[in-house]
Amino acid sequence: MNTQTLCYEVTITGTVQGVGFRYATLQQARTLKLTGWVRNCDDGSVEVLICGEASAIQPMLGWLADGGPATATVEQMSFALSQQTSVEAFTIR
């Protein structure tokens, strides 16, 4: 079976800073064996780049859309396929 690595850029708004969102996202991504990064943005949102097989990306997108960690409140999430093709590991920026 031929597997392809995909990358998605995700932007999340709501109560997502100061609530452990980046650390929980790091743990979830590593559990799903995804690579990429997560970072806080100046406007209060969080950006995430997730790379991996589609079968692992879908549960990650679902976890993010469902609000991520229990301490966060996701109001809106948008995502798009990225031009990025691979990243070594998952990190917090």
Protein backbone atom coordinates (compact mmCIF):
# COMPACT_ATOMS: atom_id res chain seq x y z
CA MET A 1 0.00 0.00 0.00
CA ASN A 2 1.39 3.38 -1.01
CA THR A 3 1.06 6.01 1.71
CA GLN A 4 1.45 9.71 1.09
CA THR A 5 2.42 12.34 3.63
CA LEU A 6 0.05 15.29 3.68
CA CYS A 7 0.38 18.55 5.59
CA TYR A 8 -2.43 20.82 6.75
CA GLU A 9 -2.27 24.36 8.09
CA VAL A 10 -4.85 24.88 10.82
CA THR A 11 -5.94 28.13 12.52
CA ILE A 12 -7.95 27.93 15.73
CA THR A 13 -9.68 30.79 17.55
CA GLY A 14 -11.39 30.94 20.91
CA THR A 15 -9.98 30.46 24.39
CA VAL A 16 -6.87 28.69 23.14
CA GLN A 17 -3.99 30.58 24.73
CA GLY A 18 -2.96 30.27 28.36
CA VAL A 19 -4.89 27.01 28.78
CA GLY A 20 -2.26 24.41 27.86
CA PHE A 21 -3.48 24.13 24.26
CA ARG A 22 -0.03 23.92 22.67
CA TYR A 23 1.21 21.26 25.11
CA ALA A 24 -1.93 19.14 24.70
CA THR A 25 -1.66 19.48 20.92
CA LEU A 26 1.97 18.35 21.08
CA GLN A 27 0.99 15.25 23.08
CA GLN A 28 -1.93 14.42 20.77
CA ALA A 29 0.22 14.82 17.64
CA ARG A 30 2.95 12.61 19.03
CA THR A 31 0.39 9.97 20.04
CA LEU A 32 -0.86 9.93 16.44
CA LYS A 33 2.74 9.93 15.10
CA LEU A 34 2.29 13.25 13.31
CA THR A 35 4.94 15.88 12.67
CA GLY A 36 4.65 19.65 12.44
CA TRP A 37 4.37 22.47 14.96
CA VAL A 38 1.99 24.55 17.03
CA ARG A 39 2.35 28.23 17.97
CA ASN A 40 0.46 31.09 19.56
CA CYS A 41 -0.30 34.07 17.34
CA ASP A 42 -0.39 37.74 18.31
CA ASP A 43 -4.15 37.93 17.63
CA GLY A 44 -4.92 35.29 20.29
CA SER A 45 -5.36 32.41 17.87
CA VAL A 46 -3.24 29.27 17.57
CA GLU A 47 -1.69 28.00 14.34
CA VAL A 48 -0.89 24.33 13.81
CA LEU A 49 0.93 22.55 11.00
CA ILE A 50 0.21 18.84 10.99
CA CYS A 51 1.91 16.39 8.65
CA GLY A 52 1.42 12.67 8.30
CA GLU A 53 -0.77 10.02 6.75
CA ALA A 54 -4.41 10.93 6.13
CA SER A 55 -5.50 8.17 8.52
CA ALA A 56 -3.70 10.00 11.37
CA ILE A 57 -4.51 13.55 10.27
CA GLN A 58 -8.28 13.01 10.33
CA PRO A 59 -8.43 12.09 14.06
CA MET A 60 -6.17 15.07 14.84
CA LEU A 61 -8.42 17.48 12.94
CA GLY A 62 -11.39 15.98 14.77
CA TRP A 63 -9.70 16.41 18.16
CA LEU A 64 -8.91 20.05 17.36
CA ALA A 65 -12.44 20.74 16.06
CA ASP A 66 -13.94 19.15 19.19
CA GLY A 67 -12.08 21.70 21.29
CA GLY A 68 -8.69 20.14 21.93
CA PRO A 69 -7.91 19.95 25.65
CA ALA A 70 -10.76 20.25 28.16
CA THR A 71 -9.36 23.61 29.35
CA ALA A 72 -9.82 25.23 25.90
CA THR A 73 -12.86 26.56 24.07
CA VAL A 74 -12.61 26.42 20.29
CA GLU A 75 -14.89 28.95 18.61
CA GLN A 76 -13.70 28.52 15.04
CA MET A 77 -11.27 26.31 13.15
CA SER A 78 -10.14 26.57 9.55
CA PHE A 79 -7.73 24.32 7.73
CA ALA A 80 -6.23 23.95 4.28
CA LEU A 81 -3.81 21.66 2.55
CA SER A 82 -0.28 23.04 2.89
CA GLN A 83 2.51 23.25 0.35
CA GLN A 84 4.82 21.95 3.09
CA THR A 85 5.73 18.33 2.43
CA SER A 86 7.46 17.13 5.57
CA VAL A 87 8.72 18.12 8.99
CA GLU A 88 11.14 16.15 11.21
CA ALA A 89 9.17 16.10 14.49
CA PHE A 90 6.29 17.86 16.23
CA THR A 91 7.38 20.95 18.16
CA ILE A 92 6.06 23.98 19.97
CA ARG A 93 7.19 27.24 18.41
